[in-house]
Amino acid sequence: MCRLTVEVGNQSELRRLDVCVDSGATFSMLSQRTYELIKHQTRWVSKLAPADRCLHGASGANLNIIGTVGIAFRLDGLVYISRMYVGNVVGVDAKSGVTIPDFKKLGKAL
């Protein structure tokens, strides 16, 4: 697992987000708070769609999924696209012993 910074948006509305990348993650997550900050960037973030499942962290805690989005982000000059589950996950650990930052796992998108 590592931490890095990705960019969402064009130059006039660029957001830099610190992310936690776990290449072994099954799902990718985005906090509801971060989604609210970037949802207006419609060329980079799709509209919230209903979630097709309920997710739980390693401890069994409900990750409070409210939907899914498609998101495009820039890393080292390249653009990646990933489907992410959006959840109200403040204070919930998805992985044992690791606090989830505002922008969640990118999973296997990289």
Protein backbone atom coordinates (compact mmCIF):
# COMPACT_ATOMS: atom_id res chain seq x y z
CA MET A 1 0.00 0.00 0.00
CA CYS A 2 1.27 3.48 -0.81
CA ARG A 3 0.09 7.07 -0.78
CA LEU A 4 0.32 9.46 -3.70
CA THR A 5 -1.42 12.45 -5.26
CA VAL A 6 -3.73 12.39 -8.28
CA GLU A 7 -5.44 15.24 -10.12
CA VAL A 8 -9.12 15.55 -11.05
CA GLY A 9 -10.39 18.28 -13.38
CA ASN A 10 -9.02 20.70 -15.93
CA GLN A 11 -6.53 23.46 -15.25
CA SER A 12 -9.17 26.04 -14.28
CA GLU A 13 -10.77 23.75 -11.66
CA LEU A 14 -7.97 21.34 -10.83
CA ARG A 15 -8.22 19.38 -7.57
CA ARG A 16 -5.24 17.52 -6.18
CA LEU A 17 -6.28 14.60 -4.02
CA ASP A 18 -4.12 12.47 -1.74
CA VAL A 19 -4.97 8.81 -2.29
CA CYS A 20 -4.17 5.47 -0.75
CA VAL A 21 -3.42 2.81 -3.38
CA ASP A 22 -3.84 -0.86 -2.52
CA SER A 23 -3.08 -3.01 -5.57
CA GLY A 24 -4.77 -5.97 -3.89
CA ALA A 25 -8.07 -4.17 -3.24
CA THR A 26 -11.22 -5.81 -4.53
CA PHE A 27 -13.18 -2.55 -4.80
CA SER A 28 -12.31 1.14 -5.17
CA MET A 29 -13.81 3.68 -2.80
CA LEU A 30 -14.36 7.41 -2.60
CA SER A 31 -15.63 9.19 0.50
CA GLN A 32 -18.91 11.04 0.24
CA ARG A 33 -17.14 14.21 1.37
CA THR A 34 -14.62 14.01 -1.47
CA TYR A 35 -17.38 13.16 -3.97
CA GLU A 36 -19.21 16.35 -2.92
CA LEU A 37 -16.03 18.37 -3.61
CA ILE A 38 -15.54 17.03 -7.16
CA LYS A 39 -19.01 16.05 -8.42
CA HIS A 40 -19.46 19.31 -10.34
CA GLN A 41 -16.58 18.33 -12.65
CA THR A 42 -18.90 16.43 -14.98
CA ARG A 43 -16.24 15.71 -17.59
CA TRP A 44 -14.23 13.85 -14.92
CA VAL A 45 -16.89 12.47 -12.57
CA SER A 46 -20.14 10.75 -13.59
CA LYS A 47 -23.46 11.20 -11.79
CA LEU A 48 -24.03 9.08 -8.73
CA ALA A 49 -25.73 5.78 -9.63
CA PRO A 50 -27.31 3.22 -7.29
CA ALA A 51 -24.88 0.73 -5.75
CA ASP A 52 -25.24 -2.91 -6.63
CA ARG A 53 -23.97 -4.20 -3.28
CA CYS A 54 -23.34 -3.46 0.39
CA LEU A 55 -19.66 -3.41 1.42
CA HIS A 56 -18.04 -4.10 4.78
CA GLY A 57 -14.56 -3.37 6.08
CA ALA A 58 -12.10 -5.91 7.45
CA SER A 59 -13.60 -5.42 10.93
CA GLY A 60 -17.10 -6.13 9.60
CA ALA A 61 -18.16 -2.47 9.84
CA ASN A 62 -20.65 -1.31 7.22
CA LEU A 63 -18.98 1.06 4.72
CA ASN A 64 -22.28 2.95 4.25
CA ILE A 65 -22.24 2.87 0.43
CA ILE A 66 -24.57 5.46 -1.12
CA GLY A 67 -23.83 4.74 -4.80
CA THR A 68 -21.20 4.40 -7.51
CA VAL A 69 -19.49 6.82 -9.88
CA GLY A 70 -17.09 6.64 -12.77
CA ILE A 71 -14.11 8.89 -12.20
CA ALA A 72 -11.20 9.95 -14.38
CA PHE A 73 -8.00 11.08 -12.71
CA ARG A 74 -4.53 12.09 -13.82
CA LEU A 75 -1.38 10.49 -12.44
CA ASP A 76 2.07 11.33 -13.81
CA GLY A 77 0.49 12.90 -16.90
CA LEU A 78 -1.65 9.86 -17.79
CA VAL A 79 -5.44 9.67 -17.37
CA TYR A 80 -6.97 6.61 -15.69
CA ILE A 81 -10.64 5.73 -15.35
CA SER A 82 -12.13 3.74 -12.49
CA ARG A 83 -15.53 2.82 -11.08
CA MET A 84 -15.71 3.78 -7.41
CA TYR A 85 -18.13 3.09 -4.61
CA VAL A 86 -19.07 6.26 -2.73
CA GLY A 87 -19.63 5.90 0.99
CA ASN A 88 -20.04 7.83 4.20
CA VAL A 89 -17.01 6.12 5.69
CA VAL A 90 -15.62 8.69 8.12
CA GLY A 91 -13.87 6.82 10.91
CA VAL A 92 -14.37 3.35 9.40
CA ASP A 93 -11.31 1.25 8.66
CA ALA A 94 -11.65 -0.70 5.40
CA LYS A 95 -8.36 -2.47 6.02
CA SER A 96 -7.32 -3.59 9.47
CA GLY A 97 -5.05 -1.03 11.13
CA VAL A 98 -5.23 1.54 8.32
CA THR A 99 -7.28 4.71 8.58
CA ILE A 100 -9.04 5.51 5.32
CA PRO A 101 -8.11 8.94 3.92
CA ASP A 102 -10.77 11.14 2.24
CA PHE A 103 -10.07 9.73 -1.20
CA LYS A 104 -10.30 5.96 -1.04
CA LYS A 105 -8.52 3.03 -2.65
CA LEU A 106 -7.89 3.17 -6.34
CA GLY A 107 -7.52 -0.59 -6.31
CA LYS A 108 -6.40 -2.16 -9.54
CA ALA A 109 -7.01 0.96 -11.63
CA LEU A 110 -3.26 1.47 -11.78
